[in-house]
Amino acid sequence: MPKLSKFERKVLNYLKTIPRGQVKTYKDVARAIKKPKAFRAVANVCAKNKNAPKIPCHRVIRSNGSLGGYSGPGGIRTKIKLLKKEGFLI
């Protein structure tokens, strides 16, 4: 398994802080880790997350409110189930 970059570690560590039932946008995450223009890179890190849902990338959505993708088993259907289970209204 390849070693994570400092940026990837920052993103994944931030994802762990998003409370159950809440979501952030890729832009929110980028701003929170002090890389406000790196929202696409944040999305790429989420897409490569091999520890979903333990590292909750399902709590990150697009700025337009759409769900985006999900790297965990079951893809977007699982993301929807996880968010509903946490009380997030879809």
N, C-alpha and C. Protein backbone atom coordinates (compact mmCIF):
# COMPACT_ATOMS: atom_id res chain seq x y z
N MET A 1 0.85 -1.18 0.00
CA MET A 1 0.00 0.00 0.00
C MET A 1 0.90 1.25 0.00
N PRO A 2 0.63 2.19 -0.90
CA PRO A 2 1.47 3.39 -0.97
C PRO A 2 1.31 4.26 0.28
N LYS A 3 2.38 4.93 0.61
CA LYS A 3 2.37 5.84 1.76
C LYS A 3 1.51 7.06 1.44
N LEU A 4 0.77 7.53 2.42
CA LEU A 4 -0.08 8.71 2.23
C LEU A 4 0.76 9.98 2.28
N SER A 5 0.38 10.94 1.46
CA SER A 5 1.03 12.25 1.50
C SER A 5 0.51 13.02 2.71
N LYS A 6 1.19 14.10 3.03
CA LYS A 6 0.76 14.97 4.14
C LYS A 6 -0.65 15.50 3.86
N PHE A 7 -0.90 15.88 2.62
CA PHE A 7 -2.22 16.39 2.23
C PHE A 7 -3.29 15.31 2.45
N GLU A 8 -3.02 14.10 1.98
CA GLU A 8 -4.00 13.01 2.14
C GLU A 8 -4.29 12.74 3.61
N ARG A 9 -3.26 12.74 4.44
CA ARG A 9 -3.46 12.53 5.87
C ARG A 9 -4.30 13.64 6.48
N LYS A 10 -4.06 14.89 6.07
CA LYS A 10 -4.86 16.01 6.58
C LYS A 10 -6.33 15.83 6.23
N VAL A 11 -6.59 15.47 4.98
CA VAL A 11 -7.98 15.28 4.54
C VAL A 11 -8.63 14.16 5.35
N LEU A 12 -8.00 13.01 5.39
CA LEU A 12 -8.60 11.86 6.08
C LEU A 12 -8.78 12.13 7.57
N ASN A 13 -7.84 12.80 8.18
CA ASN A 13 -7.99 13.15 9.61
C ASN A 13 -9.15 14.11 9.81
N TYR A 14 -9.31 15.07 8.90
CA TYR A 14 -10.43 16.01 9.02
C TYR A 14 -11.77 15.27 8.87
N LEU A 15 -11.84 14.32 7.95
CA LEU A 15 -13.09 13.59 7.75
C LEU A 15 -13.56 12.93 9.04
N LYS A 16 -12.64 12.48 9.85
CA LYS A 16 -12.98 11.82 11.11
C LYS A 16 -13.65 12.78 12.09
N THR A 17 -13.51 14.08 11.88
CA THR A 17 -14.09 15.06 12.81
C THR A 17 -15.51 15.47 12.43
N ILE A 18 -15.98 15.08 11.27
CA ILE A 18 -17.35 15.45 10.85
C ILE A 18 -18.35 14.61 11.65
N PRO A 19 -19.20 15.26 12.43
CA PRO A 19 -20.14 14.52 13.29
C PRO A 19 -21.17 13.71 12.49
N ARG A 20 -21.63 12.64 13.11
CA ARG A 20 -22.73 11.84 12.53
C ARG A 20 -23.91 12.73 12.21
N GLY A 21 -24.54 12.48 11.07
CA GLY A 21 -25.74 13.23 10.70
C GLY A 21 -25.45 14.58 10.08
N GLN A 22 -24.18 14.95 9.96
CA GLN A 22 -23.82 16.22 9.33
C GLN A 22 -22.99 15.94 8.08
N VAL A 23 -23.04 16.88 7.17
CA VAL A 23 -22.21 16.76 5.97
C VAL A 23 -21.42 18.04 5.77
N LYS A 24 -20.34 17.92 5.05
CA LYS A 24 -19.51 19.04 4.63
C LYS A 24 -19.35 18.91 3.12
N THR A 25 -19.04 20.02 2.47
CA THR A 25 -18.75 19.95 1.04
C THR A 25 -17.25 19.73 0.87
N TYR A 26 -16.87 19.34 -0.33
CA TYR A 26 -15.45 19.20 -0.63
C TYR A 26 -14.73 20.53 -0.41
N LYS A 27 -15.42 21.64 -0.73
CA LYS A 27 -14.85 22.98 -0.49
C LYS A 27 -14.69 23.24 1.00
N ASP A 28 -15.68 22.85 1.81
CA ASP A 28 -15.57 23.02 3.26
C ASP A 28 -14.33 22.31 3.80
N VAL A 29 -14.13 21.10 3.33
CA VAL A 29 -12.98 20.32 3.79
C VAL A 29 -11.68 21.00 3.36
N ALA A 30 -11.63 21.44 2.11
CA ALA A 30 -10.43 22.12 1.61
C ALA A 30 -10.12 23.37 2.44
N ARG A 31 -11.14 24.14 2.74
CA ARG A 31 -10.94 25.35 3.57
C ARG A 31 -10.46 24.97 4.97
N ALA A 32 -11.05 23.94 5.53
CA ALA A 32 -10.72 23.54 6.90
C ALA A 32 -9.27 23.09 7.05
N ILE A 33 -8.71 22.54 5.98
CA ILE A 33 -7.31 22.11 6.06
C ILE A 33 -6.37 23.16 5.47
N LYS A 34 -6.91 24.36 5.29
CA LYS A 34 -6.12 25.53 4.83
C LYS A 34 -5.60 25.39 3.40
N LYS A 35 -6.38 24.70 2.56
CA LYS A 35 -6.07 24.58 1.13
C LYS A 35 -7.35 24.88 0.34
N PRO A 36 -7.84 26.13 0.42
CA PRO A 36 -9.17 26.45 -0.10
C PRO A 36 -9.40 26.18 -1.58
N LYS A 37 -8.37 26.12 -2.38
CA LYS A 37 -8.54 25.86 -3.81
C LYS A 37 -8.40 24.38 -4.16
N ALA A 38 -8.15 23.56 -3.17
CA ALA A 38 -7.86 22.14 -3.42
C ALA A 38 -9.07 21.24 -3.27
N PHE A 39 -10.27 21.77 -3.54
CA PHE A 39 -11.47 20.96 -3.34
C PHE A 39 -11.53 19.74 -4.26
N ARG A 40 -10.99 19.85 -5.48
CA ARG A 40 -10.96 18.67 -6.37
C ARG A 40 -10.00 17.62 -5.84
N ALA A 41 -8.89 18.07 -5.30
CA ALA A 41 -7.93 17.13 -4.70
C ALA A 41 -8.55 16.44 -3.49
N VAL A 42 -9.35 17.18 -2.72
CA VAL A 42 -10.07 16.58 -1.59
C VAL A 42 -10.99 15.48 -2.11
N ALA A 43 -11.71 15.75 -3.18
CA ALA A 43 -12.61 14.74 -3.77
C ALA A 43 -11.82 13.51 -4.19
N ASN A 44 -10.64 13.70 -4.74
CA ASN A 44 -9.81 12.57 -5.16
C ASN A 44 -9.35 11.74 -3.97
N VAL A 45 -9.02 12.40 -2.88
CA VAL A 45 -8.62 11.67 -1.67
C VAL A 45 -9.81 10.85 -1.16
N CYS A 46 -10.98 11.44 -1.16
CA CYS A 46 -12.18 10.72 -0.73
C CYS A 46 -12.43 9.51 -1.64
N ALA A 47 -12.23 9.70 -2.92
CA ALA A 47 -12.46 8.61 -3.88
C ALA A 47 -11.50 7.44 -3.68
N LYS A 48 -10.33 7.72 -3.12
CA LYS A 48 -9.33 6.67 -2.90
C LYS A 48 -9.36 6.11 -1.47
N ASN A 49 -10.29 6.58 -0.66
CA ASN A 49 -10.37 6.16 0.74
C ASN A 49 -10.69 4.67 0.83
N LYS A 50 -9.72 3.90 1.26
CA LYS A 50 -9.90 2.44 1.40
C LYS A 50 -10.50 2.05 2.74
N ASN A 51 -10.69 3.03 3.62
CA ASN A 51 -11.20 2.74 4.96
C ASN A 51 -12.61 3.26 5.18
N ALA A 52 -13.37 3.38 4.11
CA ALA A 52 -14.76 3.81 4.23
C ALA A 52 -15.58 2.63 4.74
N PRO A 53 -16.53 2.80 5.61
CA PRO A 53 -17.00 4.03 6.23
C PRO A 53 -16.29 4.37 7.55
N LYS A 54 -15.28 3.59 7.95
CA LYS A 54 -14.56 3.92 9.19
C LYS A 54 -14.03 5.35 9.14
N ILE A 55 -13.45 5.73 8.03
CA ILE A 55 -13.12 7.14 7.78
C ILE A 55 -14.27 7.65 6.92
N PRO A 56 -15.15 8.47 7.50
CA PRO A 56 -16.46 8.76 6.92
C PRO A 56 -16.49 9.73 5.74
N CYS A 57 -15.97 9.29 4.61
CA CYS A 57 -16.04 10.15 3.42
C CYS A 57 -17.48 10.26 2.91
N HIS A 58 -18.38 9.40 3.40
CA HIS A 58 -19.79 9.50 3.00
C HIS A 58 -20.43 10.79 3.49
N ARG A 59 -19.77 11.48 4.42
CA ARG A 59 -20.30 12.74 4.96
C ARG A 59 -19.85 13.96 4.16
N VAL A 60 -19.25 13.72 3.00
CA VAL A 60 -18.79 14.83 2.15
C VAL A 60 -19.59 14.81 0.85
N ILE A 61 -20.16 15.98 0.52
CA ILE A 61 -21.00 16.10 -0.67
C ILE A 61 -20.50 17.26 -1.54
N ARG A 62 -21.10 17.39 -2.70
CA ARG A 62 -20.75 18.48 -3.61
C ARG A 62 -21.39 19.79 -3.15
N SER A 63 -20.81 20.89 -3.59
CA SER A 63 -21.32 22.23 -3.22
C SER A 63 -22.75 22.47 -3.71
N ASN A 64 -23.14 21.81 -4.79
CA ASN A 64 -24.50 22.00 -5.32
C ASN A 64 -25.54 21.16 -4.58
N GLY A 65 -25.10 20.43 -3.56
CA GLY A 65 -26.01 19.61 -2.77
C GLY A 65 -26.15 18.18 -3.23
N SER A 66 -25.61 17.86 -4.40
CA SER A 66 -25.68 16.47 -4.86
C SER A 66 -24.67 15.64 -4.07
N LEU A 67 -24.86 14.35 -4.06
CA LEU A 67 -24.08 13.50 -3.18
C LEU A 67 -22.66 13.21 -3.66
N GLY A 68 -22.39 13.34 -4.93
CA GLY A 68 -21.07 12.96 -5.43
C GLY A 68 -20.96 11.45 -5.44
N GLY A 69 -19.76 10.93 -5.31
CA GLY A 69 -19.56 9.48 -5.34
C GLY A 69 -19.30 8.92 -3.96
N TYR A 70 -18.99 7.62 -3.94
CA TYR A 70 -18.65 6.95 -2.70
C TYR A 70 -17.73 5.79 -3.01
N SER A 71 -16.59 5.74 -2.33
CA SER A 71 -15.57 4.73 -2.62
C SER A 71 -15.79 3.41 -1.88
N GLY A 72 -16.67 3.41 -0.91
CA GLY A 72 -16.89 2.20 -0.12
C GLY A 72 -17.70 1.16 -0.88
N PRO A 73 -17.76 -0.03 -0.31
CA PRO A 73 -18.54 -1.11 -0.93
C PRO A 73 -20.00 -0.67 -1.14
N GLY A 74 -20.53 -0.95 -2.30
CA GLY A 74 -21.92 -0.62 -2.60
C GLY A 74 -22.10 0.74 -3.24
N GLY A 75 -21.02 1.51 -3.31
CA GLY A 75 -21.06 2.80 -4.00
C GLY A 75 -22.09 3.76 -3.42
N ILE A 76 -22.70 4.53 -4.30
CA ILE A 76 -23.60 5.61 -3.90
C ILE A 76 -24.81 5.10 -3.10
N ARG A 77 -25.27 3.89 -3.38
CA ARG A 77 -26.42 3.34 -2.61
C ARG A 77 -26.05 3.22 -1.14
N THR A 78 -24.83 2.78 -0.89
CA THR A 78 -24.37 2.67 0.50
C THR A 78 -24.23 4.04 1.13
N LYS A 79 -23.75 5.02 0.37
CA LYS A 79 -23.62 6.38 0.90
C LYS A 79 -24.99 6.89 1.34
N ILE A 80 -25.99 6.68 0.53
CA ILE A 80 -27.36 7.10 0.86
C ILE A 80 -27.84 6.40 2.13
N LYS A 81 -27.63 5.09 2.22
CA LYS A 81 -28.05 4.33 3.41
C LYS A 81 -27.36 4.84 4.67
N LEU A 82 -26.05 5.07 4.57
CA LEU A 82 -25.30 5.54 5.73
C LEU A 82 -25.79 6.92 6.19
N LEU A 83 -26.00 7.82 5.24
CA LEU A 83 -26.47 9.16 5.60
C LEU A 83 -27.86 9.12 6.22
N LYS A 84 -28.76 8.31 5.66
CA LYS A 84 -30.11 8.18 6.21
C LYS A 84 -30.05 7.58 7.63
N LYS A 85 -29.20 6.58 7.81
CA LYS A 85 -29.05 5.94 9.11
C LYS A 85 -28.57 6.93 10.16
N GLU A 86 -27.75 7.89 9.73
CA GLU A 86 -27.24 8.90 10.66
C GLU A 86 -28.21 10.06 10.85
N GLY A 87 -29.35 10.03 10.15
CA GLY A 87 -30.37 11.05 10.35
C GLY A 87 -30.29 12.22 9.40
N PHE A 88 -29.43 12.12 8.39
CA PHE A 88 -29.33 13.20 7.39
C PHE A 88 -30.44 13.01 6.37
N LEU A 89 -31.21 14.06 6.15
CA LEU A 89 -32.33 13.98 5.21
C LEU A 89 -31.85 14.15 3.78
N ILE A 90 -32.18 13.20 2.95
CA ILE A 90 -31.76 13.23 1.55
C ILE A 90 -32.95 13.54 0.66
